[in-house]
Amino acid sequence: MDLKFLRREIVFGLNKIHLGLEKFGFYPRYMVAVNDKVIQQSLSAFQQATSVKFISDRSAHLLPQNAWTYHLATSNPFQRFYTDITLGLHEGYTVTHAALQIAYYMGFNEVVIIGMDHRFATSGPANSSQHLTGADPNHFSPDYFRDQNWDAPDLRESEVSYRKALEVYQADSRRIIDATLNGACNIFPKSDYQELF
């Protein structure tokens, strides 16, 4: 996909988005990461980024809170979706769910998701800590988790989170649209990104 059109949009970049920015041709206004491994592995990139960053409070010791970095309470979520992130944030087994809560709180009426493939070549139980040897076959960059530890995805629980996010958005007359090219997630209404933008 040619993503240069995102230069004109308000973009939330997730996790290791920094690995593709030169190729993608845009820079995100916001960055979101809640997985401890991702934050630790990308610490230098997060420190250098000029985006406003939202990270899990578990990693607060790595990246101090300031005008460009906000810590989100993810430790003891009581509900699946928070409309007020000052009260907490449910990770939802996927950073996309975290970003949807932030976008809702910030007042966005329409969120378009791009790049959520929702398929992984992996073995072992969901949420288990694993070590990936060699190139990463699951993300946009082979360096994403190359020779690093990562947490196996939990697609079933991710879908539970997505359904809740969609329910909350729709109840408030807001929209979530999945414009991922050939994405495997069937929770959100689909659209062609070229028609949307």
N, C-alpha and C. Protein backbone atom coordinates (compact mmCIF):
# COMPACT_ATOMS: atom_id res chain seq x y z
N MET A 1 0.83 -1.20 0.00
CA MET A 1 0.00 0.00 0.00
C MET A 1 0.87 1.24 0.00
N ASP A 2 0.45 2.21 -0.78
CA ASP A 2 1.10 3.52 -0.74
C ASP A 2 0.41 4.32 0.36
N LEU A 3 1.13 4.59 1.43
CA LEU A 3 0.54 5.24 2.60
C LEU A 3 0.88 6.73 2.72
N LYS A 4 1.45 7.29 1.69
CA LYS A 4 1.85 8.69 1.76
C LYS A 4 0.67 9.63 2.00
N PHE A 5 -0.53 9.20 1.62
CA PHE A 5 -1.72 10.03 1.83
C PHE A 5 -1.96 10.29 3.32
N LEU A 6 -1.38 9.46 4.19
CA LEU A 6 -1.57 9.64 5.63
C LEU A 6 -0.85 10.88 6.16
N ARG A 7 -0.02 11.50 5.34
CA ARG A 7 0.62 12.76 5.75
C ARG A 7 -0.43 13.82 6.08
N ARG A 8 -1.60 13.72 5.44
CA ARG A 8 -2.66 14.72 5.61
C ARG A 8 -3.66 14.33 6.70
N GLU A 9 -3.42 13.22 7.37
CA GLU A 9 -4.37 12.70 8.35
C GLU A 9 -3.78 12.69 9.76
N ILE A 10 -4.64 12.61 10.75
CA ILE A 10 -4.19 12.43 12.13
C ILE A 10 -4.00 10.93 12.33
N VAL A 11 -2.76 10.52 12.58
CA VAL A 11 -2.42 9.10 12.62
C VAL A 11 -1.95 8.68 14.01
N PHE A 12 -2.48 7.55 14.46
CA PHE A 12 -1.97 6.85 15.64
C PHE A 12 -1.10 5.71 15.13
N GLY A 13 0.19 5.77 15.40
CA GLY A 13 1.10 4.69 15.04
C GLY A 13 1.21 3.74 16.22
N LEU A 14 1.15 2.44 15.96
CA LEU A 14 1.14 1.47 17.03
C LEU A 14 2.45 0.68 17.11
N ASN A 15 2.83 0.39 18.34
CA ASN A 15 3.99 -0.47 18.64
C ASN A 15 5.24 -0.03 17.89
N LYS A 16 5.74 -0.85 16.97
CA LYS A 16 7.02 -0.57 16.31
C LYS A 16 6.82 0.09 14.94
N ILE A 17 5.88 1.00 14.85
CA ILE A 17 5.61 1.72 13.61
C ILE A 17 6.87 2.42 13.08
N HIS A 18 7.77 2.77 14.00
CA HIS A 18 8.98 3.50 13.60
C HIS A 18 9.82 2.73 12.57
N LEU A 19 9.69 1.40 12.55
CA LEU A 19 10.47 0.60 11.61
C LEU A 19 10.06 0.82 10.16
N GLY A 20 8.88 1.37 9.92
CA GLY A 20 8.42 1.55 8.55
C GLY A 20 8.22 2.97 8.10
N LEU A 21 8.51 3.93 8.97
CA LEU A 21 8.14 5.32 8.65
C LEU A 21 8.83 5.86 7.41
N GLU A 22 10.09 5.52 7.21
CA GLU A 22 10.79 6.02 6.02
C GLU A 22 10.13 5.47 4.76
N LYS A 23 9.80 4.20 4.79
CA LYS A 23 9.14 3.56 3.64
C LYS A 23 7.71 4.07 3.46
N PHE A 24 7.00 4.24 4.57
CA PHE A 24 5.58 4.62 4.49
C PHE A 24 5.39 6.06 4.05
N GLY A 25 6.32 6.94 4.38
CA GLY A 25 6.24 8.32 3.92
C GLY A 25 5.32 9.21 4.73
N PHE A 26 5.05 8.86 5.99
CA PHE A 26 4.27 9.72 6.87
C PHE A 26 4.85 9.62 8.28
N TYR A 27 4.44 10.53 9.14
CA TYR A 27 4.89 10.49 10.52
C TYR A 27 3.66 10.60 11.42
N PRO A 28 3.50 9.69 12.38
CA PRO A 28 2.29 9.71 13.21
C PRO A 28 2.31 10.85 14.23
N ARG A 29 1.15 11.44 14.43
CA ARG A 29 1.02 12.46 15.47
C ARG A 29 1.07 11.83 16.86
N TYR A 30 0.55 10.60 16.96
CA TYR A 30 0.50 9.88 18.23
C TYR A 30 1.10 8.49 18.06
N MET A 31 1.68 7.98 19.14
CA MET A 31 2.19 6.61 19.15
C MET A 31 1.63 5.93 20.40
N VAL A 32 1.25 4.65 20.25
CA VAL A 32 0.68 3.89 21.35
C VAL A 32 1.41 2.56 21.47
N ALA A 33 1.82 2.22 22.69
CA ALA A 33 2.43 0.92 22.98
C ALA A 33 2.09 0.55 24.42
N VAL A 34 1.58 -0.64 24.62
CA VAL A 34 1.25 -1.08 25.98
C VAL A 34 1.95 -2.38 26.36
N ASN A 35 2.56 -3.06 25.40
CA ASN A 35 3.26 -4.30 25.69
C ASN A 35 4.66 -4.00 26.21
N ASP A 36 4.99 -4.57 27.36
CA ASP A 36 6.28 -4.27 28.00
C ASP A 36 7.47 -4.62 27.11
N LYS A 37 7.40 -5.74 26.42
CA LYS A 37 8.51 -6.15 25.56
C LYS A 37 8.71 -5.15 24.42
N VAL A 38 7.62 -4.74 23.81
CA VAL A 38 7.69 -3.79 22.70
C VAL A 38 8.31 -2.47 23.17
N ILE A 39 7.87 -1.99 24.31
CA ILE A 39 8.38 -0.71 24.82
C ILE A 39 9.86 -0.81 25.13
N GLN A 40 10.27 -1.89 25.78
CA GLN A 40 11.68 -2.06 26.12
C GLN A 40 12.54 -2.18 24.86
N GLN A 41 12.08 -2.97 23.90
CA GLN A 41 12.84 -3.18 22.67
C GLN A 41 12.92 -1.93 21.80
N SER A 42 11.95 -1.04 21.94
CA SER A 42 11.87 0.15 21.09
C SER A 42 12.19 1.44 21.86
N LEU A 43 12.78 1.30 23.01
CA LEU A 43 12.96 2.45 23.89
C LEU A 43 13.68 3.61 23.21
N SER A 44 14.74 3.33 22.52
CA SER A 44 15.49 4.40 21.85
C SER A 44 14.62 5.14 20.83
N ALA A 45 13.84 4.39 20.07
CA ALA A 45 12.96 5.02 19.07
C ALA A 45 11.89 5.86 19.74
N PHE A 46 11.33 5.37 20.85
CA PHE A 46 10.32 6.15 21.56
C PHE A 46 10.92 7.43 22.14
N GLN A 47 12.14 7.33 22.65
CA GLN A 47 12.79 8.50 23.24
C GLN A 47 13.05 9.58 22.19
N GLN A 48 13.36 9.17 20.98
CA GLN A 48 13.69 10.11 19.91
C GLN A 48 12.45 10.63 19.17
N ALA A 49 11.35 9.93 19.29
CA ALA A 49 10.14 10.28 18.53
C ALA A 49 9.58 11.63 18.98
N THR A 50 9.13 12.41 18.02
CA THR A 50 8.50 13.69 18.33
C THR A 50 6.98 13.59 18.40
N SER A 51 6.47 12.36 18.29
CA SER A 51 5.03 12.12 18.45
C SER A 51 4.66 12.19 19.92
N VAL A 52 3.40 12.45 20.20
CA VAL A 52 2.87 12.30 21.56
C VAL A 52 2.71 10.80 21.79
N LYS A 53 3.25 10.31 22.90
CA LYS A 53 3.28 8.88 23.16
C LYS A 53 2.38 8.50 24.32
N PHE A 54 1.66 7.39 24.15
CA PHE A 54 0.85 6.80 25.21
C PHE A 54 1.40 5.40 25.47
N ILE A 55 1.85 5.17 26.72
CA ILE A 55 2.42 3.86 27.05
C ILE A 55 1.81 3.33 28.35
N SER A 56 1.95 2.04 28.55
CA SER A 56 1.46 1.42 29.77
C SER A 56 2.22 1.93 30.98
N ASP A 57 1.52 2.09 32.09
CA ASP A 57 2.18 2.56 33.32
C ASP A 57 3.18 1.55 33.85
N ARG A 58 3.10 0.30 33.40
CA ARG A 58 4.09 -0.69 33.83
C ARG A 58 5.49 -0.35 33.34
N SER A 59 5.56 0.40 32.25
CA SER A 59 6.85 0.78 31.68
C SER A 59 7.23 2.22 32.01
N ALA A 60 6.57 2.79 33.00
CA ALA A 60 6.81 4.19 33.36
C ALA A 60 8.27 4.44 33.73
N HIS A 61 8.92 3.45 34.32
CA HIS A 61 10.32 3.63 34.73
C HIS A 61 11.26 3.74 33.52
N LEU A 62 10.81 3.29 32.36
CA LEU A 62 11.64 3.36 31.16
C LEU A 62 11.51 4.68 30.42
N LEU A 63 10.31 5.24 30.45
CA LEU A 63 10.02 6.45 29.70
C LEU A 63 9.21 7.38 30.58
N PRO A 64 9.86 8.33 31.24
CA PRO A 64 9.17 9.21 32.19
C PRO A 64 8.05 10.01 31.53
N GLN A 65 7.02 10.28 32.31
CA GLN A 65 5.90 11.08 31.81
C GLN A 65 6.33 12.54 31.71
N ASN A 66 5.92 13.17 30.60
CA ASN A 66 6.18 14.60 30.39
C ASN A 66 5.15 15.11 29.39
N ALA A 67 5.40 16.25 28.81
CA ALA A 67 4.42 16.83 27.89
C ALA A 67 4.23 15.99 26.63
N TRP A 68 5.18 15.08 26.33
CA TRP A 68 5.10 14.26 25.12
C TRP A 68 4.81 12.79 25.41
N THR A 69 4.78 12.42 26.68
CA THR A 69 4.61 11.02 27.04
C THR A 69 3.60 10.89 28.17
N TYR A 70 2.59 10.05 27.95
CA TYR A 70 1.55 9.83 28.94
C TYR A 70 1.52 8.37 29.36
N HIS A 71 1.43 8.15 30.66
CA HIS A 71 1.32 6.80 31.20
C HIS A 71 -0.16 6.47 31.40
N LEU A 72 -0.55 5.29 30.96
CA LEU A 72 -1.94 4.85 31.07
C LEU A 72 -2.03 3.69 32.05
N ALA A 73 -2.95 3.78 32.98
CA ALA A 73 -3.12 2.74 34.00
C ALA A 73 -3.73 1.50 33.36
N THR A 74 -2.91 0.48 33.15
CA THR A 74 -3.37 -0.75 32.51
C THR A 74 -3.32 -1.94 33.47
N SER A 75 -2.88 -1.73 34.68
CA SER A 75 -2.59 -2.85 35.58
C SER A 75 -3.84 -3.57 36.07
N ASN A 76 -4.89 -2.85 36.45
CA ASN A 76 -6.09 -3.47 37.01
C ASN A 76 -7.36 -2.98 36.33
N PRO A 77 -7.57 -3.32 35.07
CA PRO A 77 -8.77 -2.85 34.39
C PRO A 77 -10.02 -3.57 34.90
N PHE A 78 -11.07 -2.82 35.14
CA PHE A 78 -12.32 -3.39 35.63
C PHE A 78 -13.33 -3.60 34.52
N GLN A 79 -13.10 -2.99 33.37
CA GLN A 79 -14.04 -3.12 32.27
C GLN A 79 -13.27 -3.28 30.97
N ARG A 80 -13.93 -3.77 29.95
CA ARG A 80 -13.25 -4.09 28.69
C ARG A 80 -12.92 -2.84 27.88
N PHE A 81 -13.72 -1.80 27.99
CA PHE A 81 -13.48 -0.58 27.20
C PHE A 81 -13.71 0.63 28.09
N TYR A 82 -12.72 1.52 28.15
CA TYR A 82 -12.82 2.75 28.94
C TYR A 82 -13.07 3.93 28.00
N THR A 83 -14.15 4.66 28.25
CA THR A 83 -14.39 5.88 27.49
C THR A 83 -13.62 7.05 28.09
N ASP A 84 -13.20 6.91 29.33
CA ASP A 84 -12.38 7.92 30.03
C ASP A 84 -11.08 7.26 30.44
N ILE A 85 -10.02 7.49 29.66
CA ILE A 85 -8.75 6.81 29.91
C ILE A 85 -8.02 7.34 31.15
N THR A 86 -8.51 8.40 31.77
CA THR A 86 -7.92 8.85 33.03
C THR A 86 -8.29 7.88 34.16
N LEU A 87 -9.30 7.04 33.92
CA LEU A 87 -9.73 6.05 34.92
C LEU A 87 -9.06 4.70 34.71
N GLY A 88 -8.44 4.51 33.56
CA GLY A 88 -7.79 3.25 33.24
C GLY A 88 -7.91 2.96 31.77
N LEU A 89 -7.30 1.86 31.37
CA LEU A 89 -7.34 1.45 29.97
C LEU A 89 -7.20 -0.07 29.93
N HIS A 90 -8.06 -0.72 29.19
CA HIS A 90 -7.98 -2.17 29.04
C HIS A 90 -7.15 -2.47 27.80
N GLU A 91 -6.09 -3.24 27.95
CA GLU A 91 -5.23 -3.53 26.80
C GLU A 91 -5.96 -4.36 25.76
N GLY A 92 -6.89 -5.19 26.20
CA GLY A 92 -7.72 -5.91 25.25
C GLY A 92 -7.00 -6.95 24.43
N TYR A 93 -5.80 -7.35 24.85
CA TYR A 93 -5.00 -8.37 24.16
C TYR A 93 -4.46 -7.88 22.82
N THR A 94 -4.55 -6.58 22.58
CA THR A 94 -4.04 -6.00 21.34
C THR A 94 -3.91 -4.49 21.50
N VAL A 95 -2.83 -3.94 21.00
CA VAL A 95 -2.60 -2.50 21.10
C VAL A 95 -3.66 -1.71 20.33
N THR A 96 -4.27 -2.34 19.33
CA THR A 96 -5.32 -1.66 18.57
C THR A 96 -6.49 -1.29 19.48
N HIS A 97 -6.83 -2.18 20.40
CA HIS A 97 -7.92 -1.90 21.33
C HIS A 97 -7.56 -0.73 22.24
N ALA A 98 -6.32 -0.68 22.69
CA ALA A 98 -5.86 0.44 23.51
C ALA A 98 -6.00 1.75 22.73
N ALA A 99 -5.57 1.75 21.48
CA ALA A 99 -5.63 2.96 20.66
C ALA A 99 -7.08 3.40 20.42
N LEU A 100 -7.99 2.45 20.28
CA LEU A 100 -9.40 2.79 20.08
C LEU A 100 -9.98 3.51 21.29
N GLN A 101 -9.56 3.11 22.50
CA GLN A 101 -10.02 3.79 23.71
C GLN A 101 -9.46 5.21 23.78
N ILE A 102 -8.20 5.37 23.41
CA ILE A 102 -7.58 6.70 23.43
C ILE A 102 -8.28 7.61 22.41
N ALA A 103 -8.51 7.10 21.22
CA ALA A 103 -9.16 7.89 20.17
C ALA A 103 -10.58 8.28 20.59
N TYR A 104 -11.28 7.37 21.25
CA TYR A 104 -12.62 7.68 21.73
C TYR A 104 -12.56 8.81 22.75
N TYR A 105 -11.67 8.69 23.71
CA TYR A 105 -11.53 9.70 24.76
C TYR A 105 -11.18 11.07 24.17
N MET A 106 -10.37 11.07 23.11
CA MET A 106 -9.95 12.32 22.49
C MET A 106 -11.04 12.92 21.61
N GLY A 107 -12.13 12.19 21.40
CA GLY A 107 -13.27 12.76 20.69
C GLY A 107 -13.39 12.44 19.22
N PHE A 108 -12.61 11.52 18.71
CA PHE A 108 -12.71 11.19 17.29
C PHE A 108 -14.04 10.48 17.01
N ASN A 109 -14.74 10.94 15.99
CA ASN A 109 -16.01 10.34 15.61
C ASN A 109 -15.86 9.21 14.61
N GLU A 110 -14.75 9.20 13.89
CA GLU A 110 -14.51 8.14 12.91
C GLU A 110 -13.05 7.71 13.00
N VAL A 111 -12.85 6.42 13.14
CA VAL A 111 -11.51 5.85 13.19
C VAL A 111 -11.39 4.85 12.05
N VAL A 112 -10.34 4.99 11.25
CA VAL A 112 -10.09 4.08 10.15
C VAL A 112 -8.84 3.27 10.48
N ILE A 113 -8.99 1.96 10.49
CA ILE A 113 -7.87 1.07 10.81
C ILE A 113 -7.21 0.62 9.51
N ILE A 114 -5.89 0.77 9.46
CA ILE A 114 -5.10 0.32 8.31
C ILE A 114 -3.94 -0.52 8.83
N GLY A 115 -3.77 -1.70 8.26
CA GLY A 115 -2.61 -2.52 8.61
C GLY A 115 -2.85 -3.52 9.73
N MET A 116 -4.11 -3.88 10.00
CA MET A 116 -4.41 -4.88 11.03
C MET A 116 -4.70 -6.21 10.32
N ASP A 117 -3.65 -6.96 10.04
CA ASP A 117 -3.80 -8.19 9.27
C ASP A 117 -4.61 -9.24 10.01
N HIS A 118 -4.43 -9.35 11.32
CA HIS A 118 -5.19 -10.28 12.17
C HIS A 118 -4.92 -11.74 11.80
N ARG A 119 -3.69 -12.02 11.43
CA ARG A 119 -3.27 -13.40 11.17
C ARG A 119 -1.79 -13.51 11.53
N PHE A 120 -1.44 -14.63 12.11
CA PHE A 120 -0.06 -14.83 12.56
C PHE A 120 0.38 -16.26 12.26
N ALA A 121 1.63 -16.40 11.87
CA ALA A 121 2.25 -17.72 11.75
C ALA A 121 2.97 -17.97 13.07
N THR A 122 2.31 -18.71 13.95
CA THR A 122 2.88 -18.93 15.27
C THR A 122 2.42 -20.27 15.82
N SER A 123 3.15 -20.77 16.80
CA SER A 123 2.73 -21.98 17.48
C SER A 123 2.84 -21.73 18.98
N GLY A 124 2.15 -22.57 19.75
CA GLY A 124 2.16 -22.37 21.19
C GLY A 124 0.92 -21.66 21.66
N PRO A 125 0.70 -21.66 22.96
CA PRO A 125 -0.53 -21.07 23.50
C PRO A 125 -0.57 -19.55 23.37
N ALA A 126 -1.79 -19.04 23.27
CA ALA A 126 -1.99 -17.59 23.20
C ALA A 126 -1.40 -16.93 24.44
N ASN A 127 -0.84 -15.76 24.26
CA ASN A 127 -0.25 -14.93 25.33
C ASN A 127 1.04 -15.48 25.91
N SER A 128 1.54 -16.61 25.39
CA SER A 128 2.79 -17.16 25.93
C SER A 128 3.97 -16.35 25.42
N SER A 129 4.97 -16.22 26.26
CA SER A 129 6.19 -15.53 25.87
C SER A 129 7.03 -16.48 25.02
N GLN A 130 7.43 -16.01 23.84
CA GLN A 130 8.18 -16.85 22.91
C GLN A 130 9.40 -16.09 22.40
N HIS A 131 10.35 -16.85 21.87
CA HIS A 131 11.51 -16.22 21.25
C HIS A 131 11.46 -16.50 19.76
N LEU A 132 11.51 -15.45 18.98
CA LEU A 132 11.50 -15.58 17.53
C LEU A 132 12.94 -15.59 17.03
N THR A 133 13.30 -16.63 16.31
CA THR A 133 14.64 -16.72 15.75
C THR A 133 14.57 -16.37 14.27
N GLY A 134 15.39 -15.41 13.87
CA GLY A 134 15.40 -14.99 12.48
C GLY A 134 14.37 -13.92 12.20
N ALA A 135 14.05 -13.77 10.91
CA ALA A 135 13.14 -12.72 10.46
C ALA A 135 11.72 -12.94 10.96
N ASP A 136 11.02 -11.84 11.19
CA ASP A 136 9.64 -11.88 11.66
C ASP A 136 8.70 -12.03 10.45
N PRO A 137 7.93 -13.14 10.38
CA PRO A 137 7.02 -13.33 9.25
C PRO A 137 5.64 -12.70 9.46
N ASN A 138 5.44 -12.11 10.64
CA ASN A 138 4.09 -11.68 11.02
C ASN A 138 3.81 -10.19 10.92
N HIS A 139 4.82 -9.39 10.67
CA HIS A 139 4.62 -7.94 10.70
C HIS A 139 5.17 -7.31 9.43
N PHE A 140 4.96 -6.01 9.28
CA PHE A 140 5.34 -5.31 8.05
C PHE A 140 6.84 -5.25 7.84
N SER A 141 7.61 -5.45 8.90
CA SER A 141 9.07 -5.44 8.80
C SER A 141 9.62 -6.76 9.31
N PRO A 142 10.56 -7.37 8.59
CA PRO A 142 11.17 -8.60 9.08
C PRO A 142 11.98 -8.38 10.37
N ASP A 143 12.26 -7.12 10.69
CA ASP A 143 13.02 -6.80 11.90
C ASP A 143 12.13 -6.57 13.12
N TYR A 144 10.82 -6.65 12.94
CA TYR A 144 9.87 -6.31 14.00
C TYR A 144 10.21 -7.05 15.31
N PHE A 145 10.26 -8.35 15.28
CA PHE A 145 10.68 -9.14 16.45
C PHE A 145 11.85 -10.06 16.09
N ARG A 146 12.65 -9.67 15.13
CA ARG A 146 13.78 -10.51 14.70
C ARG A 146 14.68 -10.84 15.90
N ASP A 147 14.84 -12.12 16.14
CA ASP A 147 15.72 -12.62 17.22
C ASP A 147 15.41 -11.97 18.56
N GLN A 148 14.12 -11.79 18.82
CA GLN A 148 13.69 -11.16 20.08
C GLN A 148 12.53 -11.95 20.69
N ASN A 149 12.27 -11.65 21.95
CA ASN A 149 11.11 -12.23 22.63
C ASN A 149 9.86 -11.46 22.26
N TRP A 150 8.74 -12.17 22.22
CA TRP A 150 7.46 -11.54 21.95
C TRP A 150 6.38 -12.38 22.59
N ASP A 151 5.17 -11.83 22.67
CA ASP A 151 4.05 -12.54 23.26
C ASP A 151 3.14 -13.04 22.14
N ALA A 152 2.86 -14.34 22.14
CA ALA A 152 2.00 -14.91 21.11
C ALA A 152 0.63 -14.24 21.15
N PRO A 153 0.03 -13.97 20.00
CA PRO A 153 -1.26 -13.27 19.95
C PRO A 153 -2.40 -14.12 20.50
N ASP A 154 -3.44 -13.43 20.93
CA ASP A 154 -4.66 -14.08 21.37
C ASP A 154 -5.79 -13.49 20.53
N LEU A 155 -5.99 -14.08 19.36
CA LEU A 155 -6.95 -13.52 18.40
C LEU A 155 -8.38 -13.61 18.92
N ARG A 156 -8.70 -14.67 19.66
CA ARG A 156 -10.06 -14.81 20.18
C ARG A 156 -10.39 -13.68 21.14
N GLU A 157 -9.50 -13.43 22.11
CA GLU A 157 -9.74 -12.34 23.07
C GLU A 157 -9.66 -10.97 22.40
N SER A 158 -8.80 -10.85 21.40
CA SER A 158 -8.73 -9.60 20.64
C SER A 158 -10.08 -9.29 20.01
N GLU A 159 -10.72 -10.32 19.47
CA GLU A 159 -12.02 -10.12 18.83
C GLU A 159 -13.10 -9.75 19.84
N VAL A 160 -13.02 -10.31 21.05
CA VAL A 160 -13.94 -9.90 22.11
C VAL A 160 -13.78 -8.40 22.37
N SER A 161 -12.54 -7.95 22.42
CA SER A 161 -12.26 -6.52 22.64
C SER A 161 -12.78 -5.68 21.48
N TYR A 162 -12.56 -6.12 20.26
CA TYR A 162 -13.01 -5.37 19.10
C TYR A 162 -14.53 -5.23 19.08
N ARG A 163 -15.22 -6.31 19.43
CA ARG A 163 -16.68 -6.23 19.47
C ARG A 163 -17.16 -5.22 20.49
N LYS A 164 -16.49 -5.18 21.64
CA LYS A 164 -16.87 -4.21 22.67
C LYS A 164 -16.59 -2.79 22.19
N ALA A 165 -15.44 -2.59 21.57
CA ALA A 165 -15.11 -1.26 21.05
C ALA A 165 -16.15 -0.81 20.03
N LEU A 166 -16.52 -1.70 19.12
CA LEU A 166 -17.52 -1.37 18.10
C LEU A 166 -18.86 -1.02 18.74
N GLU A 167 -19.24 -1.79 19.75
CA GLU A 167 -20.50 -1.54 20.46
C GLU A 167 -20.51 -0.16 21.10
N VAL A 168 -19.41 0.22 21.76
CA VAL A 168 -19.33 1.52 22.43
C VAL A 168 -19.35 2.65 21.41
N TYR A 169 -18.58 2.52 20.34
CA TYR A 169 -18.56 3.55 19.30
C TYR A 169 -19.94 3.73 18.68
N GLN A 170 -20.58 2.62 18.31
CA GLN A 170 -21.87 2.72 17.65
C GLN A 170 -22.95 3.28 18.57
N ALA A 171 -22.86 2.97 19.86
CA ALA A 171 -23.85 3.49 20.81
C ALA A 171 -23.77 5.01 20.91
N ASP A 172 -22.63 5.57 20.54
CA ASP A 172 -22.43 7.01 20.59
C ASP A 172 -22.42 7.61 19.18
N SER A 173 -22.96 6.88 18.22
CA SER A 173 -23.03 7.32 16.81
C SER A 173 -21.65 7.64 16.24
N ARG A 174 -20.67 6.87 16.65
CA ARG A 174 -19.32 6.99 16.08
C ARG A 174 -19.03 5.74 15.24
N ARG A 175 -17.96 5.84 14.43
CA ARG A 175 -17.67 4.74 13.50
C ARG A 175 -16.24 4.24 13.63
N ILE A 176 -16.10 2.92 13.49
CA ILE A 176 -14.80 2.28 13.29
C ILE A 176 -14.88 1.57 11.95
N ILE A 177 -13.94 1.86 11.07
CA ILE A 177 -13.91 1.26 9.75
C ILE A 177 -12.58 0.53 9.57
N ASP A 178 -12.62 -0.69 9.08
CA ASP A 178 -11.41 -1.45 8.82
C ASP A 178 -11.09 -1.34 7.33
N ALA A 179 -10.05 -0.58 7.01
CA ALA A 179 -9.62 -0.40 5.62
C ALA A 179 -8.32 -1.13 5.35
N THR A 180 -8.04 -2.15 6.15
CA THR A 180 -6.84 -2.96 5.93
C THR A 180 -6.97 -3.74 4.63
N LEU A 181 -5.93 -3.72 3.83
CA LEU A 181 -5.93 -4.45 2.57
C LEU A 181 -5.78 -5.95 2.87
N ASN A 182 -6.77 -6.74 2.50
CA ASN A 182 -6.77 -8.20 2.71
C ASN A 182 -6.66 -8.61 4.17
N GLY A 183 -7.17 -7.80 5.07
CA GLY A 183 -7.14 -8.14 6.50
C GLY A 183 -8.09 -9.29 6.81
N ALA A 184 -7.77 -10.06 7.85
CA ALA A 184 -8.55 -11.25 8.20
C ALA A 184 -9.55 -11.00 9.32
N CYS A 185 -9.59 -9.80 9.88
CA CYS A 185 -10.54 -9.49 10.95
C CYS A 185 -11.89 -9.15 10.33
N ASN A 186 -12.96 -9.78 10.86
CA ASN A 186 -14.29 -9.55 10.32
C ASN A 186 -15.23 -8.90 11.33
N ILE A 187 -14.69 -8.17 12.28
CA ILE A 187 -15.50 -7.54 13.31
C ILE A 187 -16.03 -6.17 12.86
N PHE A 188 -15.16 -5.37 12.29
CA PHE A 188 -15.53 -4.00 11.92
C PHE A 188 -16.03 -3.92 10.48
N PRO A 189 -16.90 -2.95 10.19
CA PRO A 189 -17.29 -2.73 8.80
C PRO A 189 -16.05 -2.46 7.94
N LYS A 190 -16.05 -3.00 6.71
CA LYS A 190 -14.91 -2.89 5.81
C LYS A 190 -15.10 -1.78 4.79
N SER A 191 -13.98 -1.24 4.34
CA SER A 191 -14.04 -0.24 3.28
C SER A 191 -12.70 -0.22 2.55
N ASP A 192 -12.71 0.25 1.33
CA ASP A 192 -11.50 0.40 0.53
C ASP A 192 -10.82 1.71 0.92
N TYR A 193 -9.59 1.65 1.34
CA TYR A 193 -8.91 2.87 1.80
C TYR A 193 -8.82 3.93 0.71
N GLN A 194 -8.77 3.49 -0.56
CA GLN A 194 -8.67 4.47 -1.65
C GLN A 194 -9.96 5.24 -1.81
N GLU A 195 -11.07 4.65 -1.46
CA GLU A 195 -12.35 5.36 -1.53
C GLU A 195 -12.51 6.30 -0.33
N LEU A 196 -12.01 5.85 0.83
CA LEU A 196 -12.13 6.68 2.04
C LEU A 196 -11.28 7.92 1.99
N PHE A 197 -10.08 7.80 1.43
CA PHE A 197 -9.15 8.92 1.42
C PHE A 197 -9.00 9.50 0.03
